[in-house]
Amino acid sequence: MAHQAPLNYVFYIAATPERVWEGFVSREANRVIFGGAEFEADLKPGGLLAWVGPGSDGKPMDYVRGKVLRFEPPNIFQYTFAMGQNDKASRATIELVAETEATKVMVTHDEWAEDDPTYAACADGWPRILSRLKTLLETGKTFKPH
C-alpha cells in the first residue's frame, strides 16, 4: 500500500480575506465554481457539509461530503472530505492570510488513507477549483469545468 503525501497549494487572490472567505462558503460562489453543484453545510464544528449535484440517474447525489472540524471566519475552514461513494475520508484545511493587496490562500489536503482512489482526482481538482475561484473573485466570471 502506497503512502499518499499531503497536497499543498498556495494561491494569491486580489481580494480581501472576507471576500475570499465568502467565495469558499457561499452557496452562490460554490454553484459557479462547481458547475451547478449545491453547497449544503451546517457551518460550525461538527456540522455536516456536502456538494450535491445530479447523479447519472438524475437523482441528487453527494459529490463530496464531510464534517466541519474548524470554522474560524475569515481565516480557517477545515473539514473531512470523502468523494462520491468513497468511505475513506481525508482532511482539507483552507487558511487565509491578508497580504498588502491580496489574500494568501493556503490549502492543505492531508490525512489520506493508504491508496485512497480519490487522491488523483483531488490532486487535479484543487488547482482547477482555486483557479476558478481566483478568476471569479477578480473578474466576476469564471471558466467552465473540464
N, C-alpha and C. Protein backbone atom coordinates (compact mmCIF):
# COMPACT_ATOMS: atom_id res chain seq x y z
N MET A 1 0.84 -1.17 0.00
CA MET A 1 0.00 0.00 0.00
C MET A 1 0.90 1.24 0.00
N ALA A 2 0.57 2.19 -0.87
CA ALA A 2 1.39 3.38 -1.03
C ALA A 2 0.90 4.51 -0.13
N HIS A 3 1.86 5.18 0.51
CA HIS A 3 1.54 6.37 1.30
C HIS A 3 1.30 7.52 0.33
N GLN A 4 0.28 8.33 0.59
CA GLN A 4 -0.03 9.46 -0.28
C GLN A 4 0.28 10.75 0.47
N ALA A 5 1.20 11.51 -0.09
CA ALA A 5 1.68 12.74 0.54
C ALA A 5 0.57 13.78 0.59
N PRO A 6 0.64 14.70 1.55
CA PRO A 6 -0.32 15.80 1.57
C PRO A 6 -0.26 16.60 0.28
N LEU A 7 -1.41 17.10 -0.13
CA LEU A 7 -1.48 18.02 -1.26
C LEU A 7 -1.44 19.43 -0.68
N ASN A 8 -0.55 20.26 -1.18
CA ASN A 8 -0.39 21.63 -0.68
C ASN A 8 -0.45 22.61 -1.84
N TYR A 9 -1.24 23.66 -1.68
CA TYR A 9 -1.39 24.68 -2.72
C TYR A 9 -1.36 26.05 -2.06
N VAL A 10 -0.72 27.01 -2.74
CA VAL A 10 -0.72 28.40 -2.31
C VAL A 10 -1.12 29.24 -3.51
N PHE A 11 -2.15 30.06 -3.32
CA PHE A 11 -2.61 30.99 -4.35
C PHE A 11 -2.70 32.37 -3.72
N TYR A 12 -2.60 33.40 -4.54
CA TYR A 12 -2.83 34.77 -4.09
C TYR A 12 -3.99 35.32 -4.90
N ILE A 13 -4.99 35.84 -4.19
CA ILE A 13 -6.18 36.37 -4.84
C ILE A 13 -6.31 37.84 -4.48
N ALA A 14 -6.50 38.68 -5.49
CA ALA A 14 -6.62 40.13 -5.29
C ALA A 14 -8.01 40.46 -4.76
N ALA A 15 -8.20 40.16 -3.48
CA ALA A 15 -9.46 40.43 -2.78
C ALA A 15 -9.18 40.35 -1.29
N THR A 16 -10.07 40.90 -0.49
CA THR A 16 -9.91 40.85 0.96
C THR A 16 -10.14 39.42 1.46
N PRO A 17 -9.60 39.08 2.65
CA PRO A 17 -9.88 37.76 3.20
C PRO A 17 -11.38 37.50 3.36
N GLU A 18 -12.15 38.52 3.72
CA GLU A 18 -13.60 38.34 3.89
C GLU A 18 -14.26 37.97 2.56
N ARG A 19 -13.84 38.59 1.48
CA ARG A 19 -14.41 38.28 0.16
C ARG A 19 -13.98 36.88 -0.30
N VAL A 20 -12.74 36.52 -0.06
CA VAL A 20 -12.26 35.17 -0.42
C VAL A 20 -13.00 34.13 0.43
N TRP A 21 -13.17 34.42 1.70
CA TRP A 21 -13.90 33.52 2.60
C TRP A 21 -15.30 33.26 2.03
N GLU A 22 -16.00 34.32 1.64
CA GLU A 22 -17.34 34.18 1.06
C GLU A 22 -17.29 33.29 -0.19
N GLY A 23 -16.22 33.41 -0.96
CA GLY A 23 -16.06 32.56 -2.14
C GLY A 23 -16.01 31.09 -1.79
N PHE A 24 -15.43 30.78 -0.65
CA PHE A 24 -15.35 29.37 -0.22
C PHE A 24 -16.64 28.87 0.41
N VAL A 25 -17.39 29.73 1.09
CA VAL A 25 -18.52 29.23 1.87
C VAL A 25 -19.90 29.61 1.34
N SER A 26 -19.99 30.54 0.38
CA SER A 26 -21.32 30.93 -0.09
C SER A 26 -21.86 29.92 -1.11
N ARG A 27 -23.15 29.71 -1.05
CA ARG A 27 -23.80 28.79 -1.99
C ARG A 27 -23.65 29.30 -3.42
N GLU A 28 -23.77 30.61 -3.62
CA GLU A 28 -23.71 31.19 -4.96
C GLU A 28 -22.35 30.96 -5.60
N ALA A 29 -21.28 31.27 -4.88
CA ALA A 29 -19.94 31.08 -5.43
C ALA A 29 -19.67 29.60 -5.68
N ASN A 30 -20.06 28.74 -4.76
CA ASN A 30 -19.85 27.31 -4.94
C ASN A 30 -20.61 26.78 -6.16
N ARG A 31 -21.80 27.28 -6.39
CA ARG A 31 -22.59 26.86 -7.55
C ARG A 31 -21.83 27.19 -8.85
N VAL A 32 -21.19 28.37 -8.89
CA VAL A 32 -20.43 28.78 -10.08
C VAL A 32 -19.15 27.94 -10.20
N ILE A 33 -18.41 27.82 -9.12
CA ILE A 33 -17.12 27.12 -9.14
C ILE A 33 -17.29 25.63 -9.47
N PHE A 34 -18.36 25.02 -8.95
CA PHE A 34 -18.56 23.58 -9.12
C PHE A 34 -19.62 23.25 -10.16
N GLY A 35 -19.80 24.12 -11.15
CA GLY A 35 -20.66 23.81 -12.29
C GLY A 35 -22.09 23.46 -11.92
N GLY A 36 -22.67 24.19 -10.96
CA GLY A 36 -24.06 23.98 -10.62
C GLY A 36 -24.30 23.14 -9.38
N ALA A 37 -23.27 22.54 -8.81
CA ALA A 37 -23.46 21.75 -7.59
C ALA A 37 -23.88 22.66 -6.44
N GLU A 38 -24.75 22.17 -5.61
CA GLU A 38 -25.22 22.93 -4.46
C GLU A 38 -24.37 22.62 -3.24
N PHE A 39 -23.95 23.67 -2.55
CA PHE A 39 -23.18 23.53 -1.31
C PHE A 39 -24.16 23.58 -0.16
N GLU A 40 -24.25 22.48 0.57
CA GLU A 40 -25.14 22.38 1.72
C GLU A 40 -24.27 22.16 2.95
N ALA A 41 -24.39 23.07 3.93
CA ALA A 41 -23.48 22.97 5.07
C ALA A 41 -24.07 23.59 6.32
N ASP A 42 -23.76 22.96 7.43
CA ASP A 42 -24.01 23.49 8.75
C ASP A 42 -22.64 23.97 9.23
N LEU A 43 -22.35 25.24 9.01
CA LEU A 43 -21.00 25.77 9.15
C LEU A 43 -20.64 26.06 10.61
N LYS A 44 -20.41 24.97 11.34
CA LYS A 44 -19.92 25.04 12.72
C LYS A 44 -19.21 23.72 12.99
N PRO A 45 -18.27 23.70 13.92
CA PRO A 45 -17.59 22.43 14.23
C PRO A 45 -18.59 21.32 14.53
N GLY A 46 -18.41 20.19 13.86
CA GLY A 46 -19.32 19.06 13.99
C GLY A 46 -20.43 19.05 12.97
N GLY A 47 -20.64 20.19 12.28
CA GLY A 47 -21.70 20.28 11.28
C GLY A 47 -21.35 19.48 10.03
N LEU A 48 -22.36 19.01 9.34
CA LEU A 48 -22.16 18.25 8.10
C LEU A 48 -22.12 19.21 6.92
N LEU A 49 -21.40 18.79 5.87
CA LEU A 49 -21.37 19.55 4.63
C LEU A 49 -21.36 18.60 3.46
N ALA A 50 -21.83 19.10 2.32
CA ALA A 50 -21.84 18.30 1.09
C ALA A 50 -21.97 19.22 -0.11
N TRP A 51 -21.37 18.78 -1.22
CA TRP A 51 -21.61 19.39 -2.51
C TRP A 51 -22.47 18.38 -3.25
N VAL A 52 -23.68 18.79 -3.61
CA VAL A 52 -24.69 17.88 -4.16
C VAL A 52 -25.02 18.28 -5.59
N GLY A 53 -25.10 17.28 -6.45
CA GLY A 53 -25.47 17.52 -7.83
C GLY A 53 -26.22 16.32 -8.38
N PRO A 54 -26.64 16.42 -9.64
CA PRO A 54 -27.39 15.30 -10.22
C PRO A 54 -26.49 14.10 -10.51
N GLY A 55 -26.97 12.92 -10.12
CA GLY A 55 -26.26 11.69 -10.44
C GLY A 55 -26.57 11.25 -11.85
N SER A 56 -26.02 10.14 -12.28
CA SER A 56 -26.24 9.65 -13.65
C SER A 56 -27.71 9.30 -13.89
N ASP A 57 -28.46 9.01 -12.81
CA ASP A 57 -29.88 8.70 -12.94
C ASP A 57 -30.75 9.95 -12.78
N GLY A 58 -30.11 11.13 -12.64
CA GLY A 58 -30.85 12.37 -12.49
C GLY A 58 -31.22 12.69 -11.05
N LYS A 59 -31.06 11.74 -10.14
CA LYS A 59 -31.37 11.98 -8.73
C LYS A 59 -30.17 12.65 -8.05
N PRO A 60 -30.44 13.48 -7.03
CA PRO A 60 -29.32 14.14 -6.33
C PRO A 60 -28.38 13.13 -5.69
N MET A 61 -27.09 13.45 -5.77
CA MET A 61 -26.07 12.63 -5.12
C MET A 61 -24.99 13.54 -4.55
N ASP A 62 -24.34 13.08 -3.50
CA ASP A 62 -23.23 13.83 -2.90
C ASP A 62 -21.99 13.62 -3.75
N TYR A 63 -21.46 14.73 -4.29
CA TYR A 63 -20.17 14.65 -4.97
C TYR A 63 -19.07 14.56 -3.94
N VAL A 64 -19.21 15.38 -2.90
CA VAL A 64 -18.27 15.39 -1.78
C VAL A 64 -19.09 15.58 -0.51
N ARG A 65 -18.69 14.90 0.56
CA ARG A 65 -19.37 15.08 1.83
C ARG A 65 -18.31 15.07 2.93
N GLY A 66 -18.69 15.66 4.06
CA GLY A 66 -17.74 15.70 5.16
C GLY A 66 -18.35 16.30 6.40
N LYS A 67 -17.45 16.58 7.35
CA LYS A 67 -17.85 17.16 8.63
C LYS A 67 -16.91 18.32 8.92
N VAL A 68 -17.47 19.43 9.37
CA VAL A 68 -16.67 20.61 9.72
C VAL A 68 -15.86 20.31 10.98
N LEU A 69 -14.56 20.55 10.90
CA LEU A 69 -13.66 20.36 12.04
C LEU A 69 -13.35 21.70 12.71
N ARG A 70 -13.03 22.71 11.89
CA ARG A 70 -12.75 24.06 12.38
C ARG A 70 -13.44 25.06 11.45
N PHE A 71 -14.02 26.07 12.03
CA PHE A 71 -14.67 27.12 11.25
C PHE A 71 -14.43 28.43 11.97
N GLU A 72 -13.41 29.18 11.49
CA GLU A 72 -12.97 30.41 12.14
C GLU A 72 -12.90 31.52 11.10
N PRO A 73 -14.09 32.11 10.73
CA PRO A 73 -14.13 33.15 9.70
C PRO A 73 -13.30 34.37 10.09
N PRO A 74 -12.60 35.01 9.18
CA PRO A 74 -12.35 34.60 7.80
C PRO A 74 -10.97 34.00 7.62
N ASN A 75 -10.54 33.13 8.53
CA ASN A 75 -9.17 32.62 8.47
C ASN A 75 -9.01 31.13 8.24
N ILE A 76 -9.77 30.28 8.92
CA ILE A 76 -9.55 28.84 8.82
C ILE A 76 -10.87 28.09 8.63
N PHE A 77 -10.88 27.24 7.62
CA PHE A 77 -12.00 26.35 7.34
C PHE A 77 -11.40 24.97 7.15
N GLN A 78 -11.73 24.04 8.04
CA GLN A 78 -11.17 22.69 7.98
C GLN A 78 -12.31 21.68 8.08
N TYR A 79 -12.24 20.66 7.23
CA TYR A 79 -13.32 19.67 7.21
C TYR A 79 -12.80 18.33 6.70
N THR A 80 -13.54 17.27 7.05
CA THR A 80 -13.24 15.97 6.47
C THR A 80 -13.78 15.95 5.06
N PHE A 81 -13.25 15.08 4.24
CA PHE A 81 -13.54 15.09 2.81
C PHE A 81 -13.63 13.66 2.31
N ALA A 82 -14.80 13.28 1.81
CA ALA A 82 -14.97 11.98 1.18
C ALA A 82 -15.69 12.22 -0.15
N MET A 83 -15.14 11.71 -1.23
CA MET A 83 -15.68 11.97 -2.56
C MET A 83 -16.54 10.80 -3.03
N GLY A 84 -17.70 11.15 -3.60
CA GLY A 84 -18.59 10.14 -4.17
C GLY A 84 -18.97 9.07 -3.17
N GLN A 85 -18.87 7.83 -3.59
CA GLN A 85 -19.24 6.71 -2.74
C GLN A 85 -18.08 6.21 -1.88
N ASN A 86 -16.95 6.89 -1.96
CA ASN A 86 -15.76 6.50 -1.21
C ASN A 86 -16.01 6.69 0.29
N ASP A 87 -15.73 5.67 1.08
CA ASP A 87 -15.89 5.76 2.53
C ASP A 87 -14.62 6.24 3.23
N LYS A 88 -13.54 6.39 2.49
CA LYS A 88 -12.29 6.85 3.08
C LYS A 88 -12.30 8.37 3.13
N ALA A 89 -12.19 8.93 4.33
CA ALA A 89 -12.19 10.39 4.48
C ALA A 89 -10.78 10.91 4.69
N SER A 90 -10.50 12.02 4.05
CA SER A 90 -9.25 12.75 4.25
C SER A 90 -9.61 14.08 4.92
N ARG A 91 -8.65 15.00 5.00
CA ARG A 91 -8.90 16.27 5.66
C ARG A 91 -8.44 17.41 4.76
N ALA A 92 -9.30 18.43 4.60
CA ALA A 92 -8.95 19.63 3.85
C ALA A 92 -8.90 20.81 4.81
N THR A 93 -7.85 21.61 4.69
CA THR A 93 -7.69 22.80 5.52
C THR A 93 -7.44 23.99 4.61
N ILE A 94 -8.26 25.02 4.74
CA ILE A 94 -8.11 26.25 3.98
C ILE A 94 -7.74 27.34 4.97
N GLU A 95 -6.61 28.01 4.71
CA GLU A 95 -6.16 29.10 5.57
C GLU A 95 -6.02 30.35 4.73
N LEU A 96 -6.55 31.47 5.23
CA LEU A 96 -6.48 32.75 4.53
C LEU A 96 -5.69 33.74 5.37
N VAL A 97 -4.74 34.43 4.72
CA VAL A 97 -3.92 35.42 5.40
C VAL A 97 -3.92 36.69 4.55
N ALA A 98 -4.23 37.82 5.19
CA ALA A 98 -4.23 39.10 4.47
C ALA A 98 -2.82 39.47 4.06
N GLU A 99 -2.66 39.90 2.83
CA GLU A 99 -1.42 40.47 2.32
C GLU A 99 -1.71 41.94 2.03
N THR A 100 -0.76 42.69 1.51
CA THR A 100 -0.97 44.11 1.27
C THR A 100 -2.16 44.37 0.34
N GLU A 101 -2.19 43.73 -0.82
CA GLU A 101 -3.27 43.95 -1.78
C GLU A 101 -3.93 42.65 -2.21
N ALA A 102 -3.76 41.62 -1.44
CA ALA A 102 -4.29 40.32 -1.83
C ALA A 102 -4.49 39.47 -0.57
N THR A 103 -5.05 38.30 -0.79
CA THR A 103 -5.18 37.31 0.26
C THR A 103 -4.37 36.09 -0.14
N LYS A 104 -3.52 35.64 0.76
CA LYS A 104 -2.78 34.41 0.55
C LYS A 104 -3.69 33.25 0.94
N VAL A 105 -3.93 32.35 0.01
CA VAL A 105 -4.80 31.19 0.21
C VAL A 105 -3.91 29.95 0.27
N MET A 106 -3.93 29.27 1.41
CA MET A 106 -3.14 28.05 1.57
C MET A 106 -4.11 26.89 1.79
N VAL A 107 -4.00 25.89 0.93
CA VAL A 107 -4.84 24.71 1.05
C VAL A 107 -3.94 23.52 1.30
N THR A 108 -4.26 22.77 2.36
CA THR A 108 -3.57 21.52 2.66
C THR A 108 -4.62 20.43 2.70
N HIS A 109 -4.44 19.41 1.89
CA HIS A 109 -5.35 18.27 1.87
C HIS A 109 -4.52 17.06 2.28
N ASP A 110 -4.80 16.54 3.50
CA ASP A 110 -3.94 15.51 4.06
C ASP A 110 -4.76 14.44 4.77
N GLU A 111 -4.08 13.67 5.57
CA GLU A 111 -4.66 12.53 6.30
C GLU A 111 -5.35 11.55 5.35
N TRP A 112 -4.66 11.24 4.28
CA TRP A 112 -5.17 10.30 3.28
C TRP A 112 -5.06 8.87 3.77
N ALA A 113 -6.09 8.09 3.54
CA ALA A 113 -5.99 6.65 3.77
C ALA A 113 -5.06 6.09 2.70
N GLU A 114 -4.39 5.01 3.01
CA GLU A 114 -3.50 4.40 2.01
C GLU A 114 -4.29 4.02 0.77
N ASP A 115 -3.72 4.37 -0.38
CA ASP A 115 -4.32 4.05 -1.68
C ASP A 115 -5.75 4.57 -1.84
N ASP A 116 -6.06 5.73 -1.26
CA ASP A 116 -7.37 6.35 -1.44
C ASP A 116 -7.55 6.63 -2.94
N PRO A 117 -8.60 6.09 -3.56
CA PRO A 117 -8.78 6.25 -5.01
C PRO A 117 -9.11 7.68 -5.43
N THR A 118 -9.46 8.56 -4.50
CA THR A 118 -9.80 9.93 -4.88
C THR A 118 -8.59 10.87 -4.85
N TYR A 119 -7.44 10.37 -4.44
CA TYR A 119 -6.24 11.21 -4.34
C TYR A 119 -5.91 11.88 -5.67
N ALA A 120 -5.88 11.13 -6.75
CA ALA A 120 -5.52 11.70 -8.06
C ALA A 120 -6.54 12.74 -8.51
N ALA A 121 -7.82 12.48 -8.26
CA ALA A 121 -8.86 13.45 -8.64
C ALA A 121 -8.68 14.75 -7.86
N CYS A 122 -8.32 14.66 -6.59
CA CYS A 122 -8.11 15.85 -5.77
C CYS A 122 -6.84 16.59 -6.19
N ALA A 123 -5.79 15.86 -6.52
CA ALA A 123 -4.54 16.48 -6.98
C ALA A 123 -4.79 17.29 -8.24
N ASP A 124 -5.67 16.82 -9.10
CA ASP A 124 -6.04 17.54 -10.32
C ASP A 124 -7.09 18.60 -10.02
N GLY A 125 -8.00 18.33 -9.10
CA GLY A 125 -9.14 19.20 -8.85
C GLY A 125 -8.83 20.48 -8.10
N TRP A 126 -7.97 20.41 -7.08
CA TRP A 126 -7.70 21.61 -6.29
C TRP A 126 -7.16 22.77 -7.12
N PRO A 127 -6.17 22.58 -7.99
CA PRO A 127 -5.71 23.72 -8.80
C PRO A 127 -6.82 24.29 -9.67
N ARG A 128 -7.69 23.44 -10.19
CA ARG A 128 -8.81 23.91 -11.00
C ARG A 128 -9.79 24.73 -10.16
N ILE A 129 -10.13 24.22 -8.98
CA ILE A 129 -11.07 24.92 -8.09
C ILE A 129 -10.50 26.26 -7.66
N LEU A 130 -9.26 26.28 -7.24
CA LEU A 130 -8.64 27.53 -6.79
C LEU A 130 -8.50 28.52 -7.94
N SER A 131 -8.19 28.05 -9.12
CA SER A 131 -8.10 28.93 -10.29
C SER A 131 -9.47 29.52 -10.65
N ARG A 132 -10.50 28.68 -10.57
CA ARG A 132 -11.85 29.17 -10.87
C ARG A 132 -12.29 30.20 -9.83
N LEU A 133 -11.98 29.97 -8.55
CA LEU A 133 -12.33 30.93 -7.51
C LEU A 133 -11.58 32.24 -7.72
N LYS A 134 -10.29 32.15 -7.98
CA LYS A 134 -9.48 33.35 -8.22
C LYS A 134 -10.04 34.16 -9.38
N THR A 135 -10.34 33.49 -10.48
CA THR A 135 -10.89 34.18 -11.65
C THR A 135 -12.24 34.81 -11.33
N LEU A 136 -13.10 34.08 -10.63
CA LEU A 136 -14.41 34.59 -10.26
C LEU A 136 -14.29 35.84 -9.39
N LEU A 137 -13.47 35.80 -8.38
CA LEU A 137 -13.36 36.93 -7.46
C LEU A 137 -12.67 38.14 -8.10
N GLU A 138 -11.75 37.89 -9.01
CA GLU A 138 -11.02 39.01 -9.62
C GLU A 138 -11.70 39.59 -10.84
N THR A 139 -12.54 38.79 -11.52
CA THR A 139 -13.15 39.29 -12.77
C THR A 139 -14.67 39.25 -12.77
N GLY A 140 -15.27 38.52 -11.82
CA GLY A 140 -16.71 38.40 -11.79
C GLY A 140 -17.26 37.28 -12.65
N LYS A 141 -16.38 36.56 -13.35
CA LYS A 141 -16.81 35.41 -14.15
C LYS A 141 -15.75 34.34 -14.02
N THR A 142 -16.02 33.17 -14.53
CA THR A 142 -15.01 32.11 -14.47
C THR A 142 -15.15 31.23 -15.70
N PHE A 143 -14.34 30.20 -15.79
CA PHE A 143 -14.35 29.29 -16.93
C PHE A 143 -15.06 28.02 -16.56
N LYS A 144 -15.54 27.29 -17.56
CA LYS A 144 -16.28 26.04 -17.32
C LYS A 144 -15.34 24.94 -16.86
N PRO A 145 -15.86 24.05 -15.98
CA PRO A 145 -15.02 22.91 -15.59
C PRO A 145 -14.76 22.01 -16.79
N HIS A 146 -13.76 21.17 -16.66
CA HIS A 146 -13.41 20.27 -17.78
C HIS A 146 -14.43 19.17 -17.94
